[in-house]
Amino acid sequence: MAGSRGVTIGVCAVASALLLAGCGSRPAESGGGSTGGSSAPSGTAFNACMVLDTGGVDDKSFNQSSWAGMQAAAQANPNIKISYVPSNTANDYTPNLTAEANKKCDTTVAVGGLMTDNVKEVAAKNPSLKFAQVDSASSGPNVYGMQFNTAQGAFLGGYLAAGMSQSGKVATWGGLNIPPVSIYMDGFWEGVQYYNQQKGKNVQVLGWNEGDQKGGTFAGSFTDQNKGLQISQTFIQQGADVIFPVAGGAGLGAGAAAQAAGGKVNLIWVDTDGCVSASQFCQYFISSVTKNLSGAVQTYVTAAAGGTFPTGNYIGDLKNDGTGLAPFNQFDSKVPADLKSELEKVKADIISGAITVKSPSQPKST
């Protein structure tokens, strides 16, 4: 994708994988997910299993993107057989992980940082099996951690939001106040502050202040779209004209609020390119802060199927395309050329260390 379309960081893999997830029939649940092809060549089958967080496989966010990585790996290598099990509540985490361990999956990928203690427990009881976890550091010698420094990508999102705001007020809210969510909100907040510093402006951020990690606005859910609608409408009433929901499927409520506002409010989506994963609201998405979940999962499963299980931790950032901004899509002609250039400079300065992102939720290199 051309640079003139925005700060496009590793989005191609996400978009193409999500397109795979969105085409054809919905993958079956409880071990019946799509496989890598109808006629596998000779070779040993590699069974890759996934335990989803709540919200379903089509949550337009982290579950869907992680599953898309599994699908992409299976499509590239027909010996890889994939399946997933859903989690309806947090009470399902340990039973689901245990069931996958009992199936002797060659690897089990857990989606979401909320499962960290559950993964640690089940992996410790099954030291001969391999696990991986999205949005968490490694919790044992047989657990591969996949983390993302999305504060860096969200910094760009905050700068973009401030540059596009006409009211001088932008907003962000989350699903739950946990590090994989607050890291986005921190970066967004910092990006707005940096814009103000560079431009001598005073764009306000509603819903979050990095200095108060226990405060902020949260839906208490990653699935409650009505709550997301209510929160977003409140921010719109308070004057916000750009909203950044960090809430999985609940964030779709912000899309409904923007739609009801008749074009007076725009959004920046999260995790995936919103124009791919939530295309019904594409006209309101200035851009999206991406987390290359699908690419990380695909890389891990492919390597594991090849006989080399990655160990330790992976951290996705701006430099390795683990996070960034999606294309501006329908806003490409509306984002000023100067702002596009500034975003490229900010990105380069974050990578070089000239700009220091300070979010306390950033993953630590080990």
Protein backbone atom coordinates (compact mmCIF):
# COMPACT_ATOMS: atom_id res chain seq x y z
CA MET A 1 0.00 0.00 0.00
CA ALA A 2 1.37 3.36 -0.96
CA GLY A 3 2.66 5.67 1.72
CA SER A 4 0.27 8.39 0.59
CA ARG A 5 -2.58 6.34 1.97
CA GLY A 6 -1.36 6.77 5.52
CA VAL A 7 1.04 5.24 7.98
CA THR A 8 0.40 1.67 6.84
CA ILE A 9 2.14 -0.73 9.22
CA GLY A 10 1.82 -4.46 8.61
CA VAL A 11 -1.84 -4.17 7.70
CA CYS A 12 -1.72 -6.34 4.58
CA ALA A 13 -1.33 -9.52 6.59
CA VAL A 14 -4.14 -8.55 8.93
CA ALA A 15 -6.50 -7.55 6.16
CA SER A 16 -5.91 -10.59 4.01
CA ALA A 17 -6.26 -12.94 6.97
CA LEU A 18 -9.47 -11.29 8.07
CA LEU A 19 -10.81 -11.60 4.56
CA LEU A 20 -10.19 -15.32 4.88
CA ALA A 21 -12.12 -15.31 8.15
CA GLY A 22 -14.99 -13.41 6.60
CA CYS A 23 -15.43 -15.58 3.49
CA GLY A 24 -17.27 -18.86 3.17
CA SER A 25 -19.04 -20.63 5.99
CA ARG A 26 -18.55 -19.83 9.64
CA PRO A 27 -15.92 -22.20 11.08
CA ALA A 28 -17.30 -24.96 13.24
CA GLU A 29 -16.80 -24.93 16.99
CA SER A 30 -15.52 -27.40 19.57
CA GLY A 31 -12.83 -29.02 17.48
CA GLY A 32 -14.58 -28.72 14.13
CA GLY A 33 -12.83 -25.64 12.73
CA SER A 34 -11.64 -25.24 9.19
CA THR A 35 -8.64 -27.22 8.06
CA GLY A 36 -5.92 -26.43 5.62
CA GLY A 37 -7.47 -28.11 2.57
CA SER A 38 -9.57 -30.99 1.40
CA SER A 39 -6.72 -33.15 0.17
CA ALA A 40 -3.65 -32.97 2.36
CA PRO A 41 -0.43 -34.31 0.87
CA SER A 42 1.48 -37.07 2.57
CA GLY A 43 2.98 -36.00 5.86
CA THR A 44 2.20 -35.92 9.54
CA ALA A 45 -0.80 -33.84 10.49
CA PHE A 46 -0.13 -31.02 12.93
CA ASN A 47 -3.09 -30.24 15.17
CA ALA A 48 -3.22 -26.59 16.18
CA CYS A 49 -5.99 -25.74 18.63
CA MET A 50 -7.24 -22.36 19.83
CA VAL A 51 -9.16 -21.31 22.93
CA LEU A 52 -11.02 -18.08 22.26
CA ASP A 53 -11.87 -15.38 24.76
CA THR A 54 -15.48 -14.29 25.19
CA GLY A 55 -17.10 -12.52 22.26
CA GLY A 56 -17.05 -15.28 19.68
CA VAL A 57 -14.91 -16.01 16.65
CA ASP A 58 -16.54 -13.18 14.70
CA ASP A 59 -16.06 -10.45 17.29
CA LYS A 60 -14.56 -8.07 14.70
CA SER A 61 -11.53 -7.86 16.97
CA PHE A 62 -8.90 -10.01 18.72
CA ASN A 63 -10.67 -13.39 18.53
CA GLN A 64 -11.43 -13.03 14.84
CA SER A 65 -7.97 -11.75 13.99
CA SER A 66 -6.21 -14.50 15.97
CA TRP A 67 -8.35 -17.20 14.35
CA ALA A 68 -7.57 -15.67 10.94
CA GLY A 69 -3.89 -16.28 11.66
CA MET A 70 -4.65 -19.95 12.24
CA GLN A 71 -6.62 -20.09 9.00
CA ALA A 72 -3.81 -18.45 7.06
CA ALA A 73 -1.29 -20.96 8.43
CA ALA A 74 -3.57 -23.87 7.51
CA GLN A 75 -4.19 -22.52 4.03
CA ALA A 76 -0.45 -22.28 3.40
CA ASN A 77 0.27 -25.75 4.82
CA PRO A 78 -2.47 -28.37 4.33
CA ASN A 79 -0.84 -30.62 6.96
CA ILE A 80 -1.92 -28.11 9.62
CA LYS A 81 -5.33 -29.02 11.02
CA ILE A 82 -6.98 -26.28 13.06
CA SER A 83 -9.89 -26.01 15.47
CA TYR A 84 -11.15 -23.66 18.13
CA VAL A 85 -13.38 -23.70 21.18
CA PRO A 86 -15.30 -20.61 22.34
CA SER A 87 -15.41 -19.25 25.87
CA ASN A 88 -18.77 -17.93 26.94
CA THR A 89 -17.48 -16.66 30.29
CA ALA A 90 -14.18 -16.60 32.14
CA ASN A 91 -15.30 -19.77 33.91
CA ASP A 92 -14.74 -21.61 30.62
CA TYR A 93 -11.02 -20.80 30.35
CA THR A 94 -9.59 -23.63 32.43
CA PRO A 95 -12.05 -26.31 31.24
CA ASN A 96 -11.42 -25.34 27.62
CA LEU A 97 -7.64 -25.34 28.01
CA THR A 98 -7.79 -28.65 29.87
CA ALA A 99 -9.95 -30.20 27.14
CA GLU A 100 -7.45 -29.15 24.49
CA ALA A 101 -4.61 -30.59 26.56
CA ASN A 102 -6.52 -33.86 26.91
CA LYS A 103 -6.91 -33.95 23.13
CA LYS A 104 -3.10 -33.80 22.94
CA CYS A 105 -3.15 -30.87 20.54
CA ASP A 106 0.31 -30.28 19.11
CA THR A 107 -0.07 -26.71 20.28
CA THR A 108 -2.85 -24.73 21.93
CA VAL A 109 -3.10 -20.99 21.39
CA ALA A 110 -4.99 -19.05 24.07
CA VAL A 111 -6.45 -15.71 23.01
CA GLY A 112 -6.40 -12.90 25.54
CA GLY A 113 -4.47 -11.75 28.58
CA LEU A 114 -7.34 -12.63 30.90
CA MET A 115 -6.36 -16.28 30.53
CA THR A 116 -2.82 -15.86 31.85
CA ASP A 117 -3.31 -17.64 35.17
CA ASN A 118 -5.34 -20.39 33.51
CA VAL A 119 -2.69 -21.00 30.86
CA LYS A 120 0.04 -21.05 33.46
CA GLU A 121 -1.86 -23.63 35.51
CA VAL A 122 -2.76 -25.95 32.64
CA ALA A 123 0.64 -25.68 30.97
CA ALA A 124 2.39 -26.55 34.24
CA LYS A 125 0.26 -29.68 34.53
CA ASN A 126 1.14 -30.67 30.96
CA PRO A 127 4.87 -29.95 30.61
CA SER A 128 5.22 -32.12 27.49
CA LEU A 129 2.63 -30.05 25.57
CA LYS A 130 3.14 -26.71 23.84
CA PHE A 131 1.08 -23.59 24.42
CA ALA A 132 1.07 -20.01 23.20
CA GLN A 133 -0.84 -17.01 24.46
CA VAL A 134 -1.92 -13.81 22.78
CA ASP A 135 -1.57 -10.63 24.85
CA SER A 136 0.50 -12.16 27.62
CA ALA A 137 4.13 -12.86 28.39
CA SER A 138 5.40 -16.42 28.59
CA SER A 139 4.25 -18.01 31.85
CA GLY A 140 6.32 -21.18 31.60
CA PRO A 141 8.99 -22.98 29.57
CA ASN A 142 6.31 -24.53 27.33
CA VAL A 143 4.35 -21.28 26.82
CA TYR A 144 5.19 -18.81 24.05
CA GLY A 145 4.08 -15.26 24.80
CA MET A 146 2.82 -12.92 22.08
CA GLN A 147 2.60 -9.30 23.19
CA PHE A 148 2.19 -6.04 21.33
CA ASN A 149 3.38 -2.55 22.16
CA THR A 150 0.20 -0.99 20.85
CA ALA A 151 0.92 2.19 22.80
CA GLN A 152 3.18 3.03 19.85
CA GLY A 153 0.46 2.56 17.24
CA ALA A 154 -2.10 4.29 19.43
CA PHE A 155 0.25 7.28 19.82
CA LEU A 156 -0.14 7.76 16.08
CA GLY A 157 -3.90 7.31 16.46
CA GLY A 158 -4.06 10.02 19.12
CA TYR A 159 -2.01 12.43 17.02
CA LEU A 160 -4.28 11.73 14.05
CA ALA A 161 -7.44 12.20 16.13
CA ALA A 162 -6.21 15.54 17.47
CA GLY A 163 -5.27 16.67 13.98
CA MET A 164 -8.68 15.76 12.59
CA SER A 165 -10.83 17.08 15.45
CA GLN A 166 -12.88 20.18 14.74
CA SER A 167 -14.36 20.50 18.21
CA GLY A 168 -11.09 20.27 20.14
CA LYS A 169 -12.40 17.24 22.04
CA VAL A 170 -11.69 13.58 21.37
CA ALA A 171 -12.57 10.53 23.46
CA THR A 172 -11.49 6.99 24.23
CA TRP A 173 -13.08 4.24 26.30
CA GLY A 174 -12.34 0.59 26.96
CA GLY A 175 -13.95 -2.76 27.54
CA LEU A 176 -12.13 -3.61 30.78
CA ASN A 177 -9.37 -1.79 32.62
CA ILE A 178 -6.64 -4.33 31.89
CA PRO A 179 -3.18 -3.73 30.36
CA PRO A 180 -4.02 -4.93 26.81
CA VAL A 181 -6.75 -2.25 26.79
CA SER A 182 -5.19 0.57 28.81
CA ILE A 183 -2.00 0.39 26.73
CA TYR A 184 -4.02 1.58 23.73
CA MET A 185 -5.68 4.32 25.74
CA ASP A 186 -2.33 5.46 27.12
CA GLY A 187 -0.81 5.72 23.66
CA PHE A 188 -3.84 7.59 22.35
CA TRP A 189 -3.69 10.03 25.24
CA GLU A 190 0.06 10.58 24.75
CA GLY A 191 -0.39 11.16 21.04
CA VAL A 192 -2.92 13.91 21.69
CA GLN A 193 -0.62 15.54 24.26
CA TYR A 194 2.26 15.44 21.79
CA TYR A 195 0.09 17.04 19.12
CA ASN A 196 -0.85 19.80 21.55
CA GLN A 197 2.80 20.33 22.44
CA GLN A 198 3.91 20.53 18.81
CA LYS A 199 1.02 22.70 17.65
CA GLY A 200 0.35 24.89 20.66
CA LYS A 201 -3.18 23.48 20.85
CA ASN A 202 -5.35 22.24 23.71
CA VAL A 203 -7.26 19.26 22.33
CA GLN A 204 -8.93 17.50 25.27
CA VAL A 205 -9.16 13.75 25.79
CA LEU A 206 -12.39 12.53 27.39
CA GLY A 207 -12.55 9.10 29.02
CA TRP A 208 -8.91 8.59 30.00
CA ASN A 209 -5.88 10.22 31.58
CA GLU A 210 -2.66 8.24 31.63
CA GLY A 211 -1.82 9.69 35.03
CA ASP A 212 -4.87 7.99 36.58
CA GLN A 213 -4.57 4.31 35.71
CA LYS A 214 -7.52 3.38 37.94
CA GLY A 215 -9.89 5.93 36.43
CA GLY A 216 -11.29 6.23 32.95
CA THR A 217 -14.43 5.07 31.21
CA PHE A 218 -15.05 1.33 30.67
CA ALA A 219 -18.01 -0.70 29.50
CA GLY A 220 -17.22 -3.64 31.78
CA SER A 221 -17.60 -5.90 28.74
CA PHE A 222 -16.16 -6.74 25.33
CA THR A 223 -19.56 -7.71 23.96
CA ASP A 224 -22.15 -5.20 25.23
CA GLN A 225 -22.83 -3.03 22.19
CA ASN A 226 -25.65 -1.17 23.93
CA LYS A 227 -23.25 -0.03 26.64
CA GLY A 228 -20.80 1.01 23.96
CA LEU A 229 -23.53 3.03 22.29
CA GLN A 230 -24.46 4.75 25.56
CA ILE A 231 -20.87 5.64 26.42
CA SER A 232 -20.20 6.99 22.93
CA GLN A 233 -23.39 9.05 22.90
CA THR A 234 -22.39 10.59 26.22
CA PHE A 235 -19.04 11.63 24.80
CA ILE A 236 -20.73 13.06 21.73
CA GLN A 237 -23.03 15.10 23.99
CA GLN A 238 -19.90 16.38 25.74
CA GLY A 239 -18.49 17.59 22.42
CA ALA A 240 -16.18 14.81 21.25
CA ASP A 241 -16.03 14.45 17.47
CA VAL A 242 -13.46 11.62 17.24
CA ILE A 243 -13.88 8.49 19.38
CA PHE A 244 -11.41 5.62 19.92
CA PRO A 245 -13.18 2.56 21.41
CA VAL A 246 -10.90 -0.19 22.74
CA ALA A 247 -13.54 -2.77 23.48
CA GLY A 248 -13.75 -5.58 20.95
CA GLY A 249 -17.32 -6.21 19.83
CA ALA A 250 -18.66 -3.68 22.34
CA GLY A 251 -16.89 -1.04 20.28
CA LEU A 252 -19.45 -1.57 17.53
CA GLY A 253 -21.73 0.51 19.73
CA ALA A 254 -19.51 3.47 18.89
CA GLY A 255 -20.18 2.78 15.22
CA ALA A 256 -23.91 2.89 15.88
CA ALA A 257 -23.47 6.18 17.75
CA ALA A 258 -21.50 7.70 14.88
CA GLN A 259 -24.16 6.55 12.44
CA ALA A 260 -26.90 8.11 14.56
CA ALA A 261 -24.92 11.36 14.73
CA GLY A 262 -25.24 11.71 10.97
CA GLY A 263 -21.59 12.25 10.14
CA LYS A 264 -20.79 14.69 12.95
CA VAL A 265 -18.59 12.12 14.69
CA ASN A 266 -15.84 9.89 13.36
CA LEU A 267 -13.97 6.93 14.82
CA ILE A 268 -10.60 5.30 14.98
CA TRP A 269 -10.99 1.52 15.23
CA VAL A 270 -8.71 -0.86 17.08
CA ASP A 271 -6.88 -4.18 16.53
CA THR A 272 -7.86 -4.59 12.86
CA ASP A 273 -8.59 -2.36 9.89
CA GLY A 274 -12.18 -1.45 10.71
CA CYS A 275 -13.05 -1.10 7.04
CA VAL A 276 -12.32 -4.82 6.71
CA SER A 277 -13.63 -6.21 10.00
CA ALA A 278 -16.55 -3.81 10.58
CA SER A 279 -17.14 -2.56 7.05
CA GLN A 280 -20.69 -1.41 7.81
CA PHE A 281 -19.14 1.56 9.63
CA CYS A 282 -16.23 2.18 7.23
CA GLN A 283 -17.47 5.67 6.34
CA TYR A 284 -16.81 6.74 9.96
CA PHE A 285 -13.34 5.22 10.37
CA ILE A 286 -10.59 7.79 9.85
CA SER A 287 -8.15 4.91 10.33
CA SER A 288 -7.52 2.04 12.74
CA VAL A 289 -4.74 1.28 15.22
CA THR A 290 -3.75 -2.23 14.23
CA LYS A 291 -2.37 -5.11 16.24
CA ASN A 292 -0.96 -7.77 13.92
CA LEU A 293 -2.46 -10.68 15.80
CA SER A 294 -3.06 -12.72 12.69
CA GLY A 295 0.53 -12.34 11.52
CA ALA A 296 1.95 -13.31 14.91
CA VAL A 297 -0.30 -16.35 15.24
CA GLN A 298 0.36 -17.46 11.68
CA THR A 299 4.12 -17.18 12.15
CA TYR A 300 4.01 -19.13 15.40
CA VAL A 301 1.81 -21.97 14.09
CA THR A 302 3.82 -22.24 10.87
CA ALA A 303 7.10 -22.50 12.76
CA ALA A 304 5.66 -24.99 15.24
CA ALA A 305 4.29 -27.17 12.43
CA GLY A 306 7.74 -27.11 10.89
CA GLY A 307 9.17 -28.67 14.01
CA THR A 308 10.59 -25.54 15.63
CA PHE A 309 8.43 -24.32 18.48
CA PRO A 310 9.20 -20.66 19.25
CA THR A 311 10.06 -20.03 22.90
CA GLY A 312 10.11 -17.01 25.16
CA ASN A 313 8.33 -13.87 24.03
CA TYR A 314 7.47 -11.96 20.88
CA ILE A 315 6.77 -8.24 21.13
CA GLY A 316 5.15 -6.56 18.15
CA ASP A 317 5.90 -2.86 17.72
CA LEU A 318 6.14 -0.19 15.03
CA LYS A 319 9.56 -1.38 13.89
CA ASN A 320 8.54 -4.98 13.18
CA ASP A 321 5.03 -4.15 11.92
CA GLY A 322 3.35 -5.53 15.03
CA THR A 323 1.28 -2.36 15.36
CA GLY A 324 0.58 0.78 13.38
CA LEU A 325 -2.10 2.64 11.48
CA ALA A 326 -4.32 1.09 8.83
CA PRO A 327 -5.01 2.96 5.57
CA PHE A 328 -7.22 6.03 5.73
CA ASN A 329 -9.62 4.33 3.30
CA GLN A 330 -12.58 6.66 2.67
CA PHE A 331 -10.79 9.43 4.57
CA ASP A 332 -7.71 9.39 2.36
CA SER A 333 -8.65 12.63 0.60
CA LYS A 334 -9.85 14.22 3.85
CA VAL A 335 -6.67 13.79 5.88
CA PRO A 336 -4.43 16.77 5.06
CA ALA A 337 -1.13 16.01 3.35
CA ASP A 338 0.74 17.87 6.08
CA LEU A 339 -0.85 15.68 8.76
CA LYS A 340 0.10 12.54 6.83
CA SER A 341 3.69 13.75 6.66
CA GLU A 342 3.71 14.55 10.36
CA LEU A 343 2.48 11.04 11.16
CA GLU A 344 5.33 9.54 9.16
CA LYS A 345 7.78 11.71 11.12
CA VAL A 346 6.22 10.77 14.46
CA LYS A 347 6.41 7.10 13.53
CA ALA A 348 10.09 7.41 12.62
CA ASP A 349 10.82 9.28 15.84
CA ILE A 350 9.14 6.61 17.97
CA ILE A 351 11.16 3.90 16.23
CA SER A 352 14.41 5.82 16.65
CA GLY A 353 13.72 6.66 20.27
CA ALA A 354 13.50 10.42 19.66
CA ILE A 355 9.96 10.17 21.03
CA THR A 356 9.58 8.10 24.20
CA VAL A 357 6.25 6.40 24.74
CA LYS A 358 5.64 6.18 28.48
CA SER A 359 2.67 3.87 28.98
CA PRO A 360 3.23 1.69 32.08
CA SER A 361 1.39 -1.13 30.31
CA GLN A 362 4.05 -1.57 27.63
CA PRO A 363 5.44 -5.14 27.51
CA LYS A 364 8.95 -5.50 28.84
CA SER A 365 11.66 -7.07 26.71
CA THR A 366 13.17 -10.15 28.34
